């Protein structure tokens, strides 16, 4: 499940230069139509594009929209209709589209079993020709989650890892140093609470952040991210000591007020805005939020003072052990009326001077394909690169995405119950183990 050597792959992203190779004419297996570009120039085409990047004015959503607009300007016969939703509502609607045989031509997918497996198994995605995208130089291993039995069904967009963002001004005004250990983090949390400041903004309503946080807690107990996979695969049990200790740690953080007030009612946008508006000292989120340093919706003082640090060390886990994986990407519906045109757009989107270059330069995240450092990176980007370069071990695909959709729902909801005190750590571990057992039944 988890990819050995992911650290080296991730570091290579920072250092690699984009290059060009490959000259095939068709991007789909079984659709060897030549002259796709000529067809696109002659025919009037409308492509439906569904994405989980709803903010089209900042960050990755803006880069995505800019490339769509540029493509339509260069290909005036092609109209791309964009539909957007946040992650979790998006995933729910994709299920509806799939069930009604109405998938959009191009859709965001995640190379994780809980999302893409059913789409592939039900023969809903177009098989892609890897040779068509050679010039994009996808990082080795980044397409594995989008593949099955050697066949490619999607293309990865980003390399993701979870960090803690912080507001330097709030830290300085409160006399708090950047925590390197969990004990230092807990001390900082107490200080912020004493100053009536929300310690950590979390999108608790979305729930997906919480199991990844749990992975960090477990790894800090055992020194091994792989224990999560071992338990899910039933080689060990979620009732083992390191999982219980991690559950206790999560519950202790909640009890001491580590999470911002009302965090279980805060979705992605609410948590981000709470932090960006200076109402929380920290924010647990992925490196894709490097655009916080340039987001015009927030004050200049905030943009100048936003920083990031790795999840603190504790027990057997170092702060260089990082929850890191390859993020979302794109797939094409097998029933698209315009497969060649959809492929032509993705080839344009992932060409070296487009997505990878613009995502990085805009501060929207780190691509899953090669790109060049510019020397003009923001301080926040520089910190994120430093965190990536220091990685000594990584998690791979988050555990919530390693199983069935039912497993994902179970692990997310159990974390909510743990943090609200509805479950004790022992009850949480037992329920999690039962969910894993159900997931592994044929």
Protein backbone atom coordinates (compact mmCIF):
# COMPACT_ATOMS: atom_id res chain seq x y z
CA UNK A 1 0.00 0.00 0.00
CA UNK A 2 2.44 2.66 1.15
CA UNK A 3 5.26 3.48 -1.24
CA UNK A 4 8.80 2.80 -0.06
CA UNK A 5 11.14 5.52 -1.22
CA UNK A 6 8.45 8.17 -1.31
CA UNK A 7 10.83 10.54 0.47
CA UNK A 8 13.34 10.34 -2.36
CA UNK A 9 10.61 10.78 -4.91
CA UNK A 10 9.27 13.85 -3.14
CA UNK A 11 12.69 15.46 -2.80
CA UNK A 12 13.29 14.84 -6.49
CA UNK A 13 10.29 17.04 -7.23
CA UNK A 14 12.04 20.02 -5.72
CA UNK A 15 15.31 19.42 -7.53
CA UNK A 16 14.22 18.11 -10.93
CA UNK A 17 14.01 20.19 -14.09
CA UNK A 18 11.20 19.80 -16.58
CA UNK A 19 12.15 18.09 -19.83
CA UNK A 20 10.38 17.08 -23.01
CA UNK A 21 10.08 13.64 -24.59
CA UNK A 22 7.56 11.46 -26.38
CA UNK A 23 5.78 12.13 -29.63
CA UNK A 24 2.76 9.84 -29.74
CA UNK A 25 -0.47 11.12 -31.22
CA UNK A 26 -3.14 9.49 -29.11
CA UNK A 27 -3.61 9.67 -25.37
CA UNK A 28 -6.18 6.90 -24.98
CA UNK A 29 -5.67 3.17 -25.24
CA UNK A 30 -8.11 1.84 -27.80
CA UNK A 31 -8.74 5.33 -29.24
CA UNK A 32 -5.85 5.69 -31.74
CA UNK A 33 -7.42 8.53 -33.67
CA UNK A 34 -4.81 10.61 -35.42
CA UNK A 35 -5.07 14.32 -35.86
CA UNK A 36 -6.92 14.95 -32.62
CA UNK A 37 -5.87 18.60 -32.67
CA UNK A 38 -7.22 18.99 -36.20
CA UNK A 39 -10.52 17.47 -35.14
CA UNK A 40 -10.68 19.87 -32.20
CA UNK A 41 -10.10 22.83 -34.53
CA UNK A 42 -12.93 21.83 -36.88
CA UNK A 43 -15.60 20.60 -34.50
CA UNK A 44 -17.61 22.56 -31.97
CA UNK A 45 -17.03 20.81 -28.66
CA UNK A 46 -18.37 21.27 -25.13
CA UNK A 47 -16.46 19.50 -22.37
CA UNK A 48 -17.87 19.21 -18.88
CA UNK A 49 -15.18 19.67 -16.24
CA UNK A 50 -15.88 18.85 -12.57
CA UNK A 51 -13.35 19.86 -9.92
CA UNK A 52 -12.99 20.06 -6.15
CA UNK A 53 -11.26 23.45 -6.33
CA UNK A 54 -14.16 25.87 -5.76
CA UNK A 55 -12.10 29.03 -5.20
CA UNK A 56 -11.43 30.26 -8.73
CA UNK A 57 -9.76 33.52 -7.66
CA UNK A 58 -6.88 32.18 -5.54
CA UNK A 59 -4.52 29.25 -5.28
CA UNK A 60 -4.84 26.04 -7.27
CA UNK A 61 -8.38 26.86 -8.35
CA UNK A 62 -7.21 30.06 -10.02
CA UNK A 63 -4.35 28.29 -11.80
CA UNK A 64 -6.76 25.61 -12.98
CA UNK A 65 -9.25 28.20 -14.25
CA UNK A 66 -6.53 30.30 -15.91
CA UNK A 67 -5.37 27.25 -17.88
CA UNK A 68 -8.93 26.41 -18.87
CA UNK A 69 -9.51 29.99 -20.06
CA UNK A 70 -6.21 30.01 -21.96
CA UNK A 71 -7.05 26.72 -23.66
CA UNK A 72 -10.45 27.99 -24.77
CA UNK A 73 -8.84 31.18 -26.09
CA UNK A 74 -6.39 29.12 -28.13
CA UNK A 75 -9.12 26.70 -29.24
CA UNK A 76 -12.21 28.87 -29.77
CA UNK A 77 -14.33 25.93 -30.90
CA UNK A 78 -13.88 24.26 -27.50
CA UNK A 79 -16.08 25.28 -24.61
CA UNK A 80 -15.27 23.92 -21.15
CA UNK A 81 -18.13 24.10 -18.66
CA UNK A 82 -16.77 24.08 -15.11
CA UNK A 83 -18.59 22.76 -12.06
CA UNK A 84 -16.98 23.04 -8.62
CA UNK A 85 -17.61 21.76 -5.10
CA UNK A 86 -15.52 21.33 -1.97
CA UNK A 87 -13.92 17.91 -1.46
CA UNK A 88 -16.56 16.02 0.50
CA UNK A 89 -19.66 17.37 -1.34
CA UNK A 90 -17.74 16.75 -4.56
CA UNK A 91 -17.17 13.10 -3.69
CA UNK A 92 -20.84 12.66 -2.87
CA UNK A 93 -21.94 14.13 -6.20
CA UNK A 94 -19.48 12.00 -8.18
CA UNK A 95 -21.24 8.95 -6.73
CA UNK A 96 -24.54 10.30 -8.07
CA UNK A 97 -23.03 10.97 -11.49
CA UNK A 98 -21.53 7.48 -11.57
CA UNK A 99 -24.79 5.83 -10.53
CA UNK A 100 -26.73 7.66 -13.25
CA UNK A 101 -24.11 7.16 -15.98
CA UNK A 102 -23.64 10.93 -16.18
CA UNK A 103 -19.98 11.43 -15.32
CA UNK A 104 -18.48 14.66 -16.69
CA UNK A 105 -15.94 14.43 -19.51
CA UNK A 106 -13.06 15.42 -17.23
CA UNK A 107 -13.27 15.02 -13.48
CA UNK A 108 -11.02 15.39 -10.49
CA UNK A 109 -10.04 12.03 -9.04
CA UNK A 110 -7.89 10.93 -6.15
CA UNK A 111 -5.44 8.09 -6.70
CA UNK A 112 -6.64 6.40 -3.53
CA UNK A 113 -8.65 3.17 -3.23
CA UNK A 114 -11.56 4.73 -1.34
CA UNK A 115 -12.25 7.02 -4.29
CA UNK A 116 -10.94 5.64 -7.57
CA UNK A 117 -11.23 1.88 -7.11
CA UNK A 118 -14.98 1.67 -7.71
CA UNK A 119 -14.72 3.94 -10.77
CA UNK A 120 -12.05 1.69 -12.28
CA UNK A 121 -13.71 -1.58 -11.27
CA UNK A 122 -17.01 -0.46 -12.82
CA UNK A 123 -15.24 0.44 -16.07
CA UNK A 124 -16.20 4.12 -15.85
CA UNK A 125 -12.83 5.70 -16.63
CA UNK A 126 -10.98 5.96 -19.92
CA UNK A 127 -7.66 4.15 -20.04
CA UNK A 128 -4.86 6.60 -20.85
CA UNK A 129 -1.65 6.05 -22.79
CA UNK A 130 1.31 6.91 -20.50
CA UNK A 131 3.48 7.72 -23.52
CA UNK A 132 1.17 10.61 -24.35
CA UNK A 133 2.21 12.42 -21.19
CA UNK A 134 5.94 11.69 -21.11
CA UNK A 135 6.90 15.33 -21.52
CA UNK A 136 5.10 16.17 -18.27
CA UNK A 137 7.70 14.12 -16.36
CA UNK A 138 5.44 12.86 -13.61
CA UNK A 139 7.42 11.89 -10.55
CA UNK A 140 8.14 8.14 -10.44
CA UNK A 141 5.45 6.43 -8.39
CA UNK A 142 2.99 9.31 -8.59
CA UNK A 143 0.71 7.59 -11.12
CA UNK A 144 0.53 4.27 -9.26
CA UNK A 145 -2.59 5.25 -7.34
CA UNK A 146 -4.31 6.04 -10.65
CA UNK A 147 -3.37 2.67 -12.15
CA UNK A 148 -4.58 -0.91 -11.97
CA UNK A 149 -3.06 -4.01 -13.56
CA UNK A 150 -0.57 -1.84 -15.41
CA UNK A 151 -3.25 0.37 -16.94
CA UNK A 152 -3.42 4.13 -16.34
CA UNK A 153 -6.74 5.83 -15.55
CA UNK A 154 -5.74 9.24 -14.25
CA UNK A 155 -2.98 11.81 -13.89
CA UNK A 156 -1.71 13.22 -10.56
CA UNK A 157 -1.80 16.92 -9.91
CA UNK A 158 0.15 17.50 -6.71
CA UNK A 159 2.49 16.23 -4.03
CA UNK A 160 0.89 16.78 -0.64
CA UNK A 161 2.08 16.73 2.95
CA UNK A 162 0.50 17.90 6.18
CA UNK A 163 2.12 20.69 8.22
CA UNK A 164 1.17 23.21 10.86
CA UNK A 165 0.96 26.80 9.65
CA UNK A 166 1.48 29.52 12.21
CA UNK A 167 1.18 33.27 12.62
CA UNK A 168 4.58 34.69 13.60
CA UNK A 169 3.08 37.86 15.02
CA UNK A 170 0.71 35.99 17.33
CA UNK A 171 3.57 33.75 18.43
CA UNK A 172 5.85 36.71 19.13
CA UNK A 173 3.18 38.71 20.94
CA UNK A 174 2.45 35.67 23.13
CA UNK A 175 6.11 34.89 23.78
CA UNK A 176 5.85 31.47 22.12
CA UNK A 177 8.62 29.77 20.16
CA UNK A 178 7.98 27.37 17.27
CA UNK A 179 7.43 23.97 18.96
CA UNK A 180 9.71 21.11 17.99
CA UNK A 181 8.23 18.54 20.39
CA UNK A 182 4.71 17.64 21.44
CA UNK A 183 5.41 18.88 24.95
CA UNK A 184 6.37 22.26 23.53
CA UNK A 185 3.23 22.27 21.38
CA UNK A 186 1.06 21.55 24.42
CA UNK A 187 2.76 24.35 26.33
CA UNK A 188 2.07 26.70 23.42
CA UNK A 189 -1.58 25.64 23.37
CA UNK A 190 -1.93 26.47 27.07
CA UNK A 191 -0.32 29.87 26.54
CA UNK A 192 -2.64 30.75 23.67
CA UNK A 193 -5.69 29.66 25.64
CA UNK A 194 -4.53 31.83 28.55
CA UNK A 195 -4.33 34.74 26.11
CA UNK A 196 -7.85 33.93 24.82
CA UNK A 197 -6.48 32.94 21.42
CA UNK A 198 -7.69 29.93 19.44
CA UNK A 199 -4.66 27.61 19.25
CA UNK A 200 -5.21 25.51 16.09
CA UNK A 201 -7.77 26.03 13.33
CA UNK A 202 -9.08 22.68 12.04
CA UNK A 203 -11.76 21.89 9.46
CA UNK A 204 -13.40 19.40 11.80
CA UNK A 205 -16.72 19.37 9.96
CA UNK A 206 -15.03 17.81 6.93
CA UNK A 207 -13.57 15.11 9.24
CA UNK A 208 -10.81 13.95 6.87
CA UNK A 209 -8.08 15.93 8.64
CA UNK A 210 -8.63 14.07 11.92
CA UNK A 211 -7.53 10.56 10.84
CA UNK A 212 -4.37 12.02 9.30
CA UNK A 213 -3.70 13.77 12.60
CA UNK A 214 -4.19 10.38 14.25
CA UNK A 215 -1.58 8.91 11.89
CA UNK A 216 0.89 11.50 13.15
CA UNK A 217 0.04 10.67 16.76
CA UNK A 218 0.41 6.94 16.13
CA UNK A 219 3.71 7.38 14.32
CA UNK A 220 5.07 9.50 17.14
CA UNK A 221 4.24 6.61 19.49
CA UNK A 222 5.61 3.74 17.38
CA UNK A 223 8.10 5.41 15.06
CA UNK A 224 6.44 3.73 12.08
CA UNK A 225 3.70 5.04 9.78
CA UNK A 226 3.39 1.50 8.41
CA UNK A 227 1.65 0.30 11.57
CA UNK A 228 -1.56 1.81 10.23
CA UNK A 229 -1.45 -0.39 7.14
CA UNK A 230 -0.54 -3.42 9.20
CA UNK A 231 -3.63 -2.93 11.34
CA UNK A 232 -5.91 -2.30 8.37
CA UNK A 233 -4.54 -5.46 6.72
CA UNK A 234 -5.18 -7.36 10.00
CA UNK A 235 -1.53 -8.23 10.62
CA UNK A 236 -1.85 -6.38 13.93
CA UNK A 237 -4.81 -4.85 15.76
CA UNK A 238 -6.00 -1.29 16.26
CA UNK A 239 -6.39 -2.22 19.92
CA UNK A 240 -2.60 -2.51 20.31
CA UNK A 241 -0.83 -0.16 22.70
CA UNK A 242 0.51 2.44 20.29
CA UNK A 243 -2.96 3.02 18.81
CA UNK A 244 -4.49 3.37 22.26
CA UNK A 245 -1.79 5.86 23.21
CA UNK A 246 -2.44 7.81 20.02
CA UNK A 247 -6.18 7.90 20.75
CA UNK A 248 -5.45 9.11 24.28
CA UNK A 249 -3.19 11.80 22.84
CA UNK A 250 -5.89 13.00 20.45
CA UNK A 251 -8.48 13.12 23.20
CA UNK A 252 -6.09 15.00 25.51
CA UNK A 253 -5.51 17.63 22.83
CA UNK A 254 -9.26 18.12 22.47
CA UNK A 255 -9.76 18.27 26.24
CA UNK A 256 -7.09 20.94 26.70
CA UNK A 257 -8.66 23.14 24.01
CA UNK A 258 -6.04 22.62 21.30
CA UNK A 259 -8.60 22.96 18.54
CA UNK A 260 -10.30 26.25 17.75
CA UNK A 261 -13.72 26.90 19.27
CA UNK A 262 -16.43 25.26 17.19
CA UNK A 263 -13.94 23.28 15.10
CA UNK A 264 -16.36 20.40 14.50
CA UNK A 265 -18.71 22.88 12.82
CA UNK A 266 -15.95 24.45 10.71
CA UNK A 267 -15.57 23.37 7.10
CA UNK A 268 -12.47 23.96 5.00
CA UNK A 269 -13.22 27.58 4.18
CA UNK A 270 -14.22 28.50 7.73
CA UNK A 271 -11.04 27.06 9.25
CA UNK A 272 -8.86 28.73 6.63
CA UNK A 273 -10.52 32.09 7.14
CA UNK A 274 -10.27 31.82 10.92
CA UNK A 275 -6.52 31.45 10.60
CA UNK A 276 -6.12 33.95 7.77
CA UNK A 277 -8.03 36.61 9.68
CA UNK A 278 -5.70 36.27 12.66
CA UNK A 279 -8.21 34.55 14.93
CA UNK A 280 -6.14 31.39 15.42
CA UNK A 281 -2.43 31.00 16.08
CA UNK A 282 -2.02 27.84 14.00
CA UNK A 283 -3.69 25.89 11.21
CA UNK A 284 -3.30 22.17 10.46
CA UNK A 285 -3.42 21.75 6.70
CA UNK A 286 -1.48 20.60 3.65
CA UNK A 287 1.35 22.27 1.80
CA UNK A 288 -1.13 23.18 -0.94
CA UNK A 289 -1.98 26.20 1.23
CA UNK A 290 1.35 27.85 0.46
CA UNK A 291 -0.77 30.48 -1.26
CA UNK A 292 -1.69 31.87 2.16
CA UNK A 293 1.38 34.08 1.81
CA UNK A 294 -0.03 35.76 -1.30
CA UNK A 295 -3.80 35.61 -0.75
CA UNK A 296 -5.15 39.12 -1.22
CA UNK A 297 -8.20 38.29 0.88
CA UNK A 298 -6.00 38.45 3.96
CA UNK A 299 -4.10 41.40 5.41
CA UNK A 300 -0.57 42.26 4.38
CA UNK A 301 0.49 41.75 7.99
CA UNK A 302 -0.83 38.18 7.93
CA UNK A 303 0.73 37.40 4.55
CA UNK A 304 4.07 38.66 5.79
CA UNK A 305 3.90 36.68 9.02
CA UNK A 306 2.51 33.30 7.97
CA UNK A 307 4.97 30.43 8.39
CA UNK A 308 4.99 26.64 8.63
CA UNK A 309 6.63 23.97 10.75
CA UNK A 310 6.56 20.14 10.70
CA UNK A 311 4.42 18.14 13.07
CA UNK A 312 6.39 18.04 16.35
CA UNK A 313 8.45 15.08 17.53
CA UNK A 314 7.45 12.80 20.38
CA UNK A 315 8.40 9.37 21.69
CA UNK A 316 9.86 7.39 18.80
CA UNK A 317 8.74 9.77 16.06
CA UNK A 318 10.87 12.61 14.69
CA UNK A 319 9.57 15.86 13.24
CA UNK A 320 11.10 14.74 9.94
CA UNK A 321 8.64 11.83 9.77
CA UNK A 322 5.93 13.31 7.58
CA UNK A 323 2.40 12.52 6.43
CA UNK A 324 3.09 12.81 2.69
CA UNK A 325 1.28 11.47 -0.37
CA UNK A 326 0.34 12.29 -3.94
CA UNK A 327 -2.85 14.32 -4.09
CA UNK A 328 -5.74 14.73 -6.48
CA UNK A 329 -5.58 14.56 -10.23
CA UNK A 330 -7.81 14.11 -13.27
CA UNK A 331 -9.52 11.31 -15.14
CA UNK A 332 -11.69 11.14 -18.25
CA UNK A 333 -15.07 9.45 -18.41
CA UNK A 334 -15.10 6.35 -20.61
CA UNK A 335 -18.47 7.48 -21.98
CA UNK A 336 -17.26 10.95 -22.95
CA UNK A 337 -18.45 11.96 -26.41
CA UNK A 338 -15.16 13.73 -26.95
CA UNK A 339 -12.33 11.56 -25.57
CA UNK A 340 -9.71 12.90 -27.98
CA UNK A 341 -10.53 16.49 -27.13
CA UNK A 342 -10.48 15.72 -23.40
CA UNK A 343 -7.06 14.11 -23.80
CA UNK A 344 -5.83 17.07 -25.83
CA UNK A 345 -6.83 19.38 -22.99
CA UNK A 346 -5.03 17.28 -20.35
CA UNK A 347 -1.90 17.18 -22.51
CA UNK A 348 -2.07 20.97 -22.70
CA UNK A 349 -2.80 21.28 -18.97
CA UNK A 350 0.16 19.12 -17.95
CA UNK A 351 2.67 20.43 -20.48
CA UNK A 352 5.86 21.59 -18.67
CA UNK A 353 5.14 25.32 -18.92
CA UNK A 354 1.61 25.04 -17.64
CA UNK A 355 0.32 23.32 -14.48
CA UNK A 356 3.59 22.40 -12.76
CA UNK A 357 5.22 25.75 -13.44
CA UNK A 358 2.19 27.89 -12.62
CA UNK A 359 1.14 25.93 -9.53
CA UNK A 360 4.58 26.35 -8.01
CA UNK A 361 5.14 29.97 -9.03
CA UNK A 362 1.72 31.01 -7.74
CA UNK A 363 2.31 29.35 -4.38
CA UNK A 364 -0.65 27.02 -4.90
CA UNK A 365 1.22 23.85 -3.97
CA UNK A 366 3.85 21.39 -5.17
CA UNK A 367 3.27 19.53 -8.44
CA UNK A 368 3.53 15.78 -8.94
CA UNK A 369 5.64 16.49 -12.01
CA UNK A 370 8.99 18.17 -12.55
CA UNK A 371 9.33 21.93 -12.18
CA UNK A 372 12.01 24.55 -11.75
CA UNK A 373 12.73 26.62 -8.67
CA UNK A 374 12.63 30.30 -9.62
CA UNK A 375 14.65 31.94 -6.85
CA UNK A 376 11.63 34.16 -6.18
CA UNK A 377 9.83 31.84 -3.78
CA UNK A 378 8.01 33.34 -0.81
CA UNK A 379 9.41 32.70 2.64
CA UNK A 380 6.54 30.29 3.24
CA UNK A 381 7.39 28.33 0.10
CA UNK A 382 11.02 28.19 1.20
CA UNK A 383 9.98 26.78 4.58
CA UNK A 384 7.82 24.13 2.93
CA UNK A 385 10.66 23.10 0.64
CA UNK A 386 12.95 22.85 3.68
CA UNK A 387 10.39 20.62 5.43
CA UNK A 388 10.19 18.39 2.35
CA UNK A 389 13.94 18.15 1.94
CA UNK A 390 14.30 17.10 5.57
CA UNK A 391 11.80 14.22 5.34
CA UNK A 392 13.23 10.93 6.63
CA UNK A 393 10.07 8.81 6.37
CA UNK A 394 6.61 9.35 4.93
CA UNK A 395 3.14 7.92 5.31
CA UNK A 396 2.01 7.43 1.74
CA UNK A 397 -1.72 7.42 1.05
CA UNK A 398 -3.67 8.50 4.16
CA UNK A 399 -5.13 5.53 6.00
CA UNK A 400 -8.70 6.77 5.60
CA UNK A 401 -8.26 6.42 1.82
CA UNK A 402 -6.70 2.95 1.89
CA UNK A 403 -9.93 0.99 2.26
CA UNK A 404 -13.54 1.04 1.13
CA UNK A 405 -15.83 4.09 1.27
CA UNK A 406 -17.47 2.45 4.28
CA UNK A 407 -14.09 2.27 6.02
CA UNK A 408 -13.49 5.94 5.31
CA UNK A 409 -16.86 6.95 6.76
CA UNK A 410 -16.24 4.80 9.82
CA UNK A 411 -12.76 6.11 10.64
CA UNK A 412 -13.82 9.73 10.17
CA UNK A 413 -16.94 9.46 12.30
CA UNK A 414 -15.14 7.52 15.03
CA UNK A 415 -12.63 10.36 15.35
CA UNK A 416 -15.44 12.84 15.81
CA UNK A 417 -16.89 10.66 18.58
CA UNK A 418 -13.47 10.27 20.20
CA UNK A 419 -12.79 14.00 20.28
CA UNK A 420 -16.22 14.87 21.68
CA UNK A 421 -15.85 12.29 24.44
CA UNK A 422 -18.61 10.03 23.15
CA UNK A 423 -16.05 7.22 23.01
CA UNK A 424 -13.19 6.40 25.34
CA UNK A 425 -9.84 5.62 23.69
CA UNK A 426 -10.47 1.92 24.34
CA UNK A 427 -13.94 2.05 22.79
CA UNK A 428 -12.56 4.02 19.85
CA UNK A 429 -9.80 1.46 19.24
CA UNK A 430 -12.24 -1.44 19.47
CA UNK A 431 -14.67 0.20 17.05
CA UNK A 432 -11.85 1.04 14.65
CA UNK A 433 -10.65 -2.55 14.76
CA UNK A 434 -14.16 -3.81 14.03
CA UNK A 435 -14.41 -1.45 11.05
CA UNK A 436 -11.10 -2.77 9.72
CA UNK A 437 -12.37 -6.32 10.12
CA UNK A 438 -15.49 -5.51 8.10
CA UNK A 439 -13.39 -3.85 5.42
CA UNK A 440 -11.34 -7.00 4.93
CA UNK A 441 -14.29 -9.35 4.56
CA UNK A 442 -14.76 -10.56 0.97
